[in-house]
Amino acid sequence: AWGPTGHRIAGQIAESYLTAKAKTNIQKILGNESIAMAGNWADFIKSDTNYNYLSPWHYINLADSLNYSQLKTYFTNDTNADAYTKLNFLIKELKSKNLSKKTKLMDLRLLIHIEEDIHQPMHVSREEDQGGNKIKVLWFNTPSNLHRVWDEDLIQYQQLSYTEYTNAINHTTSSQRIAWQRDPISKWFFESHQICLQLYKEINQPDQKLGYRYNFDHIATLNQQLAKAGVRLAGLLNQIFGS
């Protein structure tokens, strides 16, 4: 997934667009834990083997050839335990009035995390290379892989705390936020998939060295994906907890 900093950035952006009612209802579940911090629970819990079943919830494997119409058809028939089916499951479950506090807490933490994950392009990618994990590259002179570059390397290269990073990129307009939140969830996946395919095309040799130019070419896309993750998460949370 996004590394800890990426999740915290998206979470803090989301917090800035919550309605008062959603904020109150979410606080009843999270207590003193912020959305920014709650977003990393699903990665931290990977250390507990009792939660191994959650691993496929963080991503989805898709064929390169799918256009948007084909993707929507695929989702109609999708029964896999993947980011699409589980995100929709969590949304539906959190709208229920009969959940225990423990289930609500876990569901909310997972929803925050998965919604943020799918805006990281390499989480909507190919099965055969494990979302770019098997594509070895050099980040400057340090061994890395394409997935890790987008999870953490690009973000850490900016040398900002998550609050500084949020302040630097959280400048969307009202019309942008309305448009992004109106987009169906299927479009969120399609956008990430299209970015992912372009990222694959740019790697044409083993241990390709990525550095200054790669940062220059991709930082705007990275920042927009983080902003979209935060804005759309706010829209979801307002829909679930603000009505």
C-alpha atoms as a PDB file:
ATOM      1  CA  ALA A   1       0.000   0.000   0.000  1.00  0.00           C
ATOM      2  CA  TRP A   2       0.999   3.606   0.223  1.00  0.00           C
ATOM      3  CA  GLY A   3       3.614   3.675   2.951  1.00  0.00           C
ATOM      4  CA  PRO A   4       2.666   5.181   6.343  1.00  0.00           C
ATOM      5  CA  THR A   5       3.242   8.735   5.110  1.00  0.00           C
ATOM      6  CA  GLY A   6       1.021   8.322   2.035  1.00  0.00           C
ATOM      7  CA  HIS A   7      -1.851   6.936   4.074  1.00  0.00           C
ATOM      8  CA  ARG A   8      -1.543   9.719   6.615  1.00  0.00           C
ATOM      9  CA  ILE A   9      -1.550  12.397   3.902  1.00  0.00           C
ATOM     10  CA  ALA A  10      -4.722  11.014   2.298  1.00  0.00           C
ATOM     11  CA  GLY A  11      -6.347  10.598   5.701  1.00  0.00           C
ATOM     12  CA  GLN A  12      -5.607  14.138   6.803  1.00  0.00           C
ATOM     13  CA  ILE A  13      -6.945  15.497   3.523  1.00  0.00           C
ATOM     14  CA  ALA A  14     -10.138  13.508   4.095  1.00  0.00           C
ATOM     15  CA  GLU A  15     -10.500  14.900   7.616  1.00  0.00           C
ATOM     16  CA  SER A  16     -10.497  18.451   6.248  1.00  0.00           C
ATOM     17  CA  TYR A  17     -13.658  17.797   4.178  1.00  0.00           C
ATOM     18  CA  LEU A  18     -15.839  15.925   6.669  1.00  0.00           C
ATOM     19  CA  THR A  19     -19.197  17.298   7.703  1.00  0.00           C
ATOM     20  CA  ALA A  20     -19.665  18.065  11.382  1.00  0.00           C
ATOM     21  CA  LYS A  21     -22.059  15.127  11.787  1.00  0.00           C
ATOM     22  CA  ALA A  22     -19.701  12.684  10.058  1.00  0.00           C
ATOM     23  CA  LYS A  23     -16.826  13.892  12.232  1.00  0.00           C
ATOM     24  CA  THR A  24     -18.841  13.313  15.401  1.00  0.00           C
ATOM     25  CA  ASN A  25     -20.001   9.846  14.372  1.00  0.00           C
ATOM     26  CA  ILE A  26     -16.522   8.783  13.278  1.00  0.00           C
ATOM     27  CA  GLN A  27     -15.012   9.995  16.542  1.00  0.00           C
ATOM     28  CA  LYS A  28     -17.464   7.759  18.412  1.00  0.00           C
ATOM     29  CA  ILE A  29     -15.855   4.802  16.625  1.00  0.00           C
ATOM     30  CA  LEU A  30     -12.191   5.849  16.454  1.00  0.00           C
ATOM     31  CA  GLY A  31     -12.005   7.698  19.758  1.00  0.00           C
ATOM     32  CA  ASN A  32      -8.775   9.687  19.869  1.00  0.00           C
ATOM     33  CA  GLU A  33      -7.394   7.969  16.770  1.00  0.00           C
ATOM     34  CA  SER A  34      -7.400  10.276  13.753  1.00  0.00           C
ATOM     35  CA  ILE A  35      -8.337   9.133  10.250  1.00  0.00           C
ATOM     36  CA  ALA A  36      -4.751   9.928   9.271  1.00  0.00           C
ATOM     37  CA  MET A  37      -3.455   7.394  11.781  1.00  0.00           C
ATOM     38  CA  ALA A  38      -6.269   4.841  11.391  1.00  0.00           C
ATOM     39  CA  GLY A  39      -5.371   4.384   7.724  1.00  0.00           C
ATOM     40  CA  ASN A  40      -2.251   2.389   8.565  1.00  0.00           C
ATOM     41  CA  TRP A  41      -3.885  -0.207  10.822  1.00  0.00           C
ATOM     42  CA  ALA A  42      -4.476  -2.646   7.943  1.00  0.00           C
ATOM     43  CA  ASP A  43      -0.750  -2.692   7.154  1.00  0.00           C
ATOM     44  CA  PHE A  44       0.380  -2.887  10.774  1.00  0.00           C
ATOM     45  CA  ILE A  45      -1.917  -5.875  11.408  1.00  0.00           C
ATOM     46  CA  LYS A  46      -0.096  -7.890   8.731  1.00  0.00           C
ATOM     47  CA  SER A  47       2.288  -8.916  11.510  1.00  0.00           C
ATOM     48  CA  ASP A  48      -0.572 -10.970  13.029  1.00  0.00           C
ATOM     49  CA  THR A  49      -1.137 -14.209  11.110  1.00  0.00           C
ATOM     50  CA  ASN A  50      -4.781 -14.264  12.257  1.00  0.00           C
ATOM     51  CA  TYR A  51      -5.355 -11.485   9.737  1.00  0.00           C
ATOM     52  CA  ASN A  52      -3.649 -13.102   6.740  1.00  0.00           C
ATOM     53  CA  TYR A  53      -7.026 -13.419   5.028  1.00  0.00           C
ATOM     54  CA  LEU A  54      -7.056  -9.624   4.586  1.00  0.00           C
ATOM     55  CA  SER A  55      -4.033  -9.559   2.255  1.00  0.00           C
ATOM     56  CA  PRO A  56      -6.000  -9.728  -1.056  1.00  0.00           C
ATOM     57  CA  TRP A  57      -8.247  -6.881   0.104  1.00  0.00           C
ATOM     58  CA  HIS A  58      -5.479  -4.330  -0.537  1.00  0.00           C
ATOM     59  CA  TYR A  59      -5.306  -4.678  -4.339  1.00  0.00           C
ATOM     60  CA  ILE A  60      -6.872  -6.022  -7.504  1.00  0.00           C
ATOM     61  CA  ASN A  61      -5.310  -7.794 -10.491  1.00  0.00           C
ATOM     62  CA  LEU A  62      -6.634  -6.708 -13.882  1.00  0.00           C
ATOM     63  CA  ALA A  63      -5.842  -7.518 -17.503  1.00  0.00           C
ATOM     64  CA  ASP A  64      -4.009  -4.776 -19.386  1.00  0.00           C
ATOM     65  CA  SER A  65      -6.532  -4.810 -22.226  1.00  0.00           C
ATOM     66  CA  LEU A  66      -9.640  -3.747 -20.308  1.00  0.00           C
ATOM     67  CA  ASN A  67     -11.319  -0.530 -21.404  1.00  0.00           C
ATOM     68  CA  TYR A  68     -13.734   1.221 -19.044  1.00  0.00           C
ATOM     69  CA  SER A  69     -16.828  -0.511 -20.374  1.00  0.00           C
ATOM     70  CA  GLN A  70     -15.147  -3.914 -20.071  1.00  0.00           C
ATOM     71  CA  LEU A  71     -13.953  -3.083 -16.575  1.00  0.00           C
ATOM     72  CA  LYS A  72     -17.486  -2.260 -15.428  1.00  0.00           C
ATOM     73  CA  THR A  73     -18.688  -5.568 -16.880  1.00  0.00           C
ATOM     74  CA  TYR A  74     -15.864  -7.358 -15.082  1.00  0.00           C
ATOM     75  CA  PHE A  75     -16.858  -5.745 -11.791  1.00  0.00           C
ATOM     76  CA  THR A  76     -20.484  -6.817 -12.270  1.00  0.00           C
ATOM     77  CA  ASN A  77     -19.310 -10.441 -12.219  1.00  0.00           C
ATOM     78  CA  ASP A  78     -16.462 -10.061  -9.725  1.00  0.00           C
ATOM     79  CA  THR A  79     -16.744 -12.448  -6.777  1.00  0.00           C
ATOM     80  CA  ASN A  80     -13.077 -12.426  -5.753  1.00  0.00           C
ATOM     81  CA  ALA A  81     -11.846 -11.189  -2.374  1.00  0.00           C
ATOM     82  CA  ASP A  82     -10.185  -8.090  -3.819  1.00  0.00           C
ATOM     83  CA  ALA A  83     -10.105  -4.339  -3.248  1.00  0.00           C
ATOM     84  CA  TYR A  84     -13.242  -3.714  -5.335  1.00  0.00           C
ATOM     85  CA  THR A  85     -15.534  -6.303  -3.772  1.00  0.00           C
ATOM     86  CA  LYS A  86     -14.298  -5.681  -0.240  1.00  0.00           C
ATOM     87  CA  LEU A  87     -14.528  -1.896  -0.468  1.00  0.00           C
ATOM     88  CA  ASN A  88     -18.151  -2.222  -1.543  1.00  0.00           C
ATOM     89  CA  PHE A  89     -18.770  -4.786   1.190  1.00  0.00           C
ATOM     90  CA  LEU A  90     -17.362  -2.444   3.860  1.00  0.00           C
ATOM     91  CA  ILE A  91     -19.432   0.505   2.640  1.00  0.00           C
ATOM     92  CA  LYS A  92     -22.602  -1.577   2.822  1.00  0.00           C
ATOM     93  CA  GLU A  93     -21.766  -3.057   6.215  1.00  0.00           C
ATOM     94  CA  LEU A  94     -20.885   0.297   7.796  1.00  0.00           C
ATOM     95  CA  LYS A  95     -24.296   1.634   6.789  1.00  0.00           C
ATOM     96  CA  SER A  96     -25.877  -1.050   8.985  1.00  0.00           C
ATOM     97  CA  LYS A  97     -27.192   0.093  12.351  1.00  0.00           C
ATOM     98  CA  ASN A  98     -26.600  -3.290  14.013  1.00  0.00           C
ATOM     99  CA  LEU A  99     -22.815  -3.615  14.016  1.00  0.00           C
ATOM    100  CA  SER A 100     -20.887  -4.147  17.232  1.00  0.00           C
ATOM    101  CA  LYS A 101     -18.425  -1.418  18.189  1.00  0.00           C
ATOM    102  CA  LYS A 102     -15.525  -3.820  17.551  1.00  0.00           C
ATOM    103  CA  THR A 103     -16.748  -4.641  14.035  1.00  0.00           C
ATOM    104  CA  LYS A 104     -17.390  -0.973  13.262  1.00  0.00           C
ATOM    105  CA  LEU A 105     -13.839  -0.089  14.296  1.00  0.00           C
ATOM    106  CA  MET A 106     -12.261  -2.783  12.162  1.00  0.00           C
ATOM    107  CA  ASP A 107     -14.511  -2.057   9.172  1.00  0.00           C
ATOM    108  CA  LEU A 108     -13.818   1.659   9.312  1.00  0.00           C
ATOM    109  CA  ARG A 109     -10.059   1.189   9.538  1.00  0.00           C
ATOM    110  CA  LEU A 110     -10.181  -1.207   6.582  1.00  0.00           C
ATOM    111  CA  LEU A 111     -12.388   1.066   4.493  1.00  0.00           C
ATOM    112  CA  ILE A 112     -10.045   4.012   5.021  1.00  0.00           C
ATOM    113  CA  HIS A 113      -7.031   1.925   4.084  1.00  0.00           C
ATOM    114  CA  ILE A 114      -8.467   0.181   1.012  1.00  0.00           C
ATOM    115  CA  GLU A 115      -9.962   3.371  -0.427  1.00  0.00           C
ATOM    116  CA  GLU A 116      -6.545   4.997  -0.121  1.00  0.00           C
ATOM    117  CA  ASP A 117      -4.732   1.944  -1.511  1.00  0.00           C
ATOM    118  CA  ILE A 118      -6.629   1.858  -4.782  1.00  0.00           C
ATOM    119  CA  HIS A 119      -5.397   5.343  -5.633  1.00  0.00           C
ATOM    120  CA  GLN A 120      -1.842   3.971  -5.598  1.00  0.00           C
ATOM    121  CA  PRO A 121      -1.598   2.874  -9.266  1.00  0.00           C
ATOM    122  CA  MET A 122       0.404  -0.290  -8.611  1.00  0.00           C
ATOM    123  CA  HIS A 123      -2.463  -1.668  -6.517  1.00  0.00           C
ATOM    124  CA  VAL A 124      -4.586  -1.931  -9.668  1.00  0.00           C
ATOM    125  CA  SER A 125      -2.151  -3.858 -11.800  1.00  0.00           C
ATOM    126  CA  ARG A 126      -0.797  -7.208 -13.016  1.00  0.00           C
ATOM    127  CA  GLU A 127      -0.870 -10.463 -11.113  1.00  0.00           C
ATOM    128  CA  GLU A 128       2.249 -11.902 -12.784  1.00  0.00           C
ATOM    129  CA  ASP A 129       4.646  -9.313 -11.340  1.00  0.00           C
ATOM    130  CA  GLN A 130       2.737  -8.852  -8.060  1.00  0.00           C
ATOM    131  CA  GLY A 131       1.797  -5.267  -8.795  1.00  0.00           C
ATOM    132  CA  GLY A 132       5.301  -4.265  -9.798  1.00  0.00           C
ATOM    133  CA  ASN A 133       6.986  -5.896  -6.787  1.00  0.00           C
ATOM    134  CA  LYS A 134       8.955  -8.191  -9.104  1.00  0.00           C
ATOM    135  CA  ILE A 135      10.072  -5.328 -11.355  1.00  0.00           C
ATOM    136  CA  LYS A 136      13.447  -4.464  -9.880  1.00  0.00           C
ATOM    137  CA  VAL A 137      14.715  -0.907 -10.301  1.00  0.00           C
ATOM    138  CA  LEU A 138      17.262   1.381  -8.705  1.00  0.00           C
ATOM    139  CA  TRP A 139      15.894   4.395  -6.879  1.00  0.00           C
ATOM    140  CA  PHE A 140      18.898   6.637  -7.439  1.00  0.00           C
ATOM    141  CA  ASN A 141      21.500   4.002  -6.430  1.00  0.00           C
ATOM    142  CA  THR A 142      19.401   2.021  -3.965  1.00  0.00           C
ATOM    143  CA  PRO A 143      17.796  -1.299  -5.007  1.00  0.00           C
ATOM    144  CA  SER A 144      14.016  -1.003  -5.053  1.00  0.00           C
ATOM    145  CA  ASN A 145      11.072  -2.130  -7.183  1.00  0.00           C
ATOM    146  CA  LEU A 146       8.358  -0.345  -9.132  1.00  0.00           C
ATOM    147  CA  HIS A 147       5.751  -0.977  -6.448  1.00  0.00           C
ATOM    148  CA  ARG A 148       7.921   0.379  -3.641  1.00  0.00           C
ATOM    149  CA  VAL A 149       8.826   3.453  -5.673  1.00  0.00           C
ATOM    150  CA  TRP A 150       5.149   4.409  -5.701  1.00  0.00           C
ATOM    151  CA  ASP A 151       4.408   3.250  -2.172  1.00  0.00           C
ATOM    152  CA  GLU A 152       7.201   5.091  -0.458  1.00  0.00           C
ATOM    153  CA  ASP A 153      10.305   6.142  -2.417  1.00  0.00           C
ATOM    154  CA  LEU A 154       8.712   9.053  -4.296  1.00  0.00           C
ATOM    155  CA  ILE A 155       6.908  10.331  -1.214  1.00  0.00           C
ATOM    156  CA  GLN A 156       9.927  10.065   1.083  1.00  0.00           C
ATOM    157  CA  TYR A 157      12.074  11.823  -1.520  1.00  0.00           C
ATOM    158  CA  GLN A 158      10.038  15.009  -0.950  1.00  0.00           C
ATOM    159  CA  GLN A 159      11.400  15.129   2.640  1.00  0.00           C
ATOM    160  CA  LEU A 160       8.176  16.401   4.167  1.00  0.00           C
ATOM    161  CA  SER A 161       6.257  15.232   7.219  1.00  0.00           C
ATOM    162  CA  TYR A 162       2.737  14.054   6.443  1.00  0.00           C
ATOM    163  CA  THR A 163       1.267  17.285   7.825  1.00  0.00           C
ATOM    164  CA  GLU A 164       3.666  19.405   5.740  1.00  0.00           C
ATOM    165  CA  TYR A 165       2.882  17.314   2.669  1.00  0.00           C
ATOM    166  CA  THR A 166      -0.869  17.664   3.242  1.00  0.00           C
ATOM    167  CA  ASN A 167      -0.555  21.429   3.576  1.00  0.00           C
ATOM    168  CA  ALA A 168       1.458  21.539   0.351  1.00  0.00           C
ATOM    169  CA  ILE A 169      -1.048  19.664  -1.835  1.00  0.00           C
ATOM    170  CA  ASN A 170      -4.468  20.116  -0.235  1.00  0.00           C
ATOM    171  CA  HIS A 171      -5.604  22.948  -2.488  1.00  0.00           C
ATOM    172  CA  THR A 172      -8.421  21.463  -4.526  1.00  0.00           C
ATOM    173  CA  THR A 173     -11.286  23.630  -5.718  1.00  0.00           C
ATOM    174  CA  SER A 174     -14.902  23.015  -4.768  1.00  0.00           C
ATOM    175  CA  SER A 175     -15.705  22.001  -8.355  1.00  0.00           C
ATOM    176  CA  GLN A 176     -12.819  19.489  -8.366  1.00  0.00           C
ATOM    177  CA  ARG A 177     -14.012  17.925  -5.139  1.00  0.00           C
ATOM    178  CA  ILE A 178     -17.600  17.668  -6.354  1.00  0.00           C
ATOM    179  CA  ALA A 179     -16.477  16.042  -9.625  1.00  0.00           C
ATOM    180  CA  TRP A 180     -14.116  13.557  -7.945  1.00  0.00           C
ATOM    181  CA  GLN A 181     -16.730  12.546  -5.373  1.00  0.00           C
ATOM    182  CA  ARG A 182     -19.399  12.079  -8.039  1.00  0.00           C
ATOM    183  CA  ASP A 183     -17.234   9.631  -9.973  1.00  0.00           C
ATOM    184  CA  PRO A 184     -18.365   6.027  -9.449  1.00  0.00           C
ATOM    185  CA  ILE A 185     -15.977   3.724  -7.613  1.00  0.00           C
ATOM    186  CA  SER A 186     -15.363   1.824 -10.859  1.00  0.00           C
ATOM    187  CA  LYS A 187     -13.809   4.991 -12.291  1.00  0.00           C
ATOM    188  CA  TRP A 188     -11.408   5.254  -9.354  1.00  0.00           C
ATOM    189  CA  PHE A 189     -10.064   1.832 -10.264  1.00  0.00           C
ATOM    190  CA  PHE A 190      -9.963   2.614 -13.979  1.00  0.00           C
ATOM    191  CA  GLU A 191      -7.954   5.801 -13.440  1.00  0.00           C
ATOM    192  CA  SER A 192      -5.373   3.965 -11.343  1.00  0.00           C
ATOM    193  CA  HIS A 193      -5.207   1.139 -13.871  1.00  0.00           C
ATOM    194  CA  GLN A 194      -4.548   3.549 -16.741  1.00  0.00           C
ATOM    195  CA  ILE A 195      -1.727   5.227 -14.803  1.00  0.00           C
ATOM    196  CA  CYS A 196      -0.329   1.816 -13.912  1.00  0.00           C
ATOM    197  CA  LEU A 197      -0.176   0.753 -17.574  1.00  0.00           C
ATOM    198  CA  GLN A 198       1.784   3.882 -18.437  1.00  0.00           C
ATOM    199  CA  LEU A 199       4.222   3.251 -15.589  1.00  0.00           C
ATOM    200  CA  TYR A 200       4.859  -0.260 -16.896  1.00  0.00           C
ATOM    201  CA  LYS A 201       5.677   1.099 -20.360  1.00  0.00           C
ATOM    202  CA  GLU A 202       8.396   3.334 -18.958  1.00  0.00           C
ATOM    203  CA  ILE A 203      10.431   0.468 -17.502  1.00  0.00           C
ATOM    204  CA  ASN A 204      12.312  -1.143 -20.364  1.00  0.00           C
ATOM    205  CA  GLN A 205      15.371  -2.770 -18.789  1.00  0.00           C
ATOM    206  CA  PRO A 206      16.338  -4.708 -15.646  1.00  0.00           C
ATOM    207  CA  ASP A 207      17.504  -2.582 -12.727  1.00  0.00           C
ATOM    208  CA  GLN A 208      16.560   0.595 -14.558  1.00  0.00           C
ATOM    209  CA  LYS A 209      17.800   3.637 -12.668  1.00  0.00           C
ATOM    210  CA  LEU A 210      15.083   6.054 -11.573  1.00  0.00           C
ATOM    211  CA  GLY A 211      15.931   9.381 -10.027  1.00  0.00           C
ATOM    212  CA  TYR A 212      15.611  13.131 -10.555  1.00  0.00           C
ATOM    213  CA  ARG A 213      13.864  12.886 -13.908  1.00  0.00           C
ATOM    214  CA  TYR A 214      11.409  10.255 -12.693  1.00  0.00           C
ATOM    215  CA  ASN A 215      10.472  12.452  -9.752  1.00  0.00           C
ATOM    216  CA  PHE A 216      10.056  15.472 -12.053  1.00  0.00           C
ATOM    217  CA  ASP A 217       7.859  13.529 -14.487  1.00  0.00           C
ATOM    218  CA  HIS A 218       5.601  11.883 -11.896  1.00  0.00           C
ATOM    219  CA  ILE A 219       5.287  14.087  -8.830  1.00  0.00           C
ATOM    220  CA  ALA A 220       2.148  15.825 -10.144  1.00  0.00           C
ATOM    221  CA  THR A 221       0.436  12.459 -10.734  1.00  0.00           C
ATOM    222  CA  LEU A 222       1.469  11.234  -7.295  1.00  0.00           C
ATOM    223  CA  ASN A 223       0.125  14.354  -5.612  1.00  0.00           C
ATOM    224  CA  GLN A 224      -3.141  14.227  -7.521  1.00  0.00           C
ATOM    225  CA  GLN A 225      -3.691  10.577  -6.577  1.00  0.00           C
ATOM    226  CA  LEU A 226      -3.099  11.396  -2.916  1.00  0.00           C
ATOM    227  CA  ALA A 227      -5.505  14.343  -3.152  1.00  0.00           C
ATOM    228  CA  LYS A 228      -8.152  12.256  -4.924  1.00  0.00           C
ATOM    229  CA  ALA A 229      -7.820   9.530  -2.306  1.00  0.00           C
ATOM    230  CA  GLY A 230      -8.430  12.048   0.475  1.00  0.00           C
ATOM    231  CA  VAL A 231     -11.275  13.908  -1.199  1.00  0.00           C
ATOM    232  CA  ARG A 232     -13.101  10.744  -2.252  1.00  0.00           C
ATOM    233  CA  LEU A 233     -12.607   9.186   1.170  1.00  0.00           C
ATOM    234  CA  ALA A 234     -14.261  12.262   2.694  1.00  0.00           C
ATOM    235  CA  GLY A 235     -17.161  11.825   0.284  1.00  0.00           C
ATOM    236  CA  LEU A 236     -17.600   8.186   1.297  1.00  0.00           C
ATOM    237  CA  LEU A 237     -17.391   8.924   5.009  1.00  0.00           C
ATOM    238  CA  ASN A 238     -19.858  11.812   4.713  1.00  0.00           C
ATOM    239  CA  GLN A 239     -22.236   9.510   2.847  1.00  0.00           C
ATOM    240  CA  ILE A 240     -21.975   6.775   5.480  1.00  0.00           C
ATOM    241  CA  PHE A 241     -21.745   8.781   8.691  1.00  0.00           C
ATOM    242  CA  GLY A 242     -23.131  12.212   7.837  1.00  0.00           C
ATOM    243  CA  SER A 243     -26.694  11.384   6.880  1.00  0.00           C
END
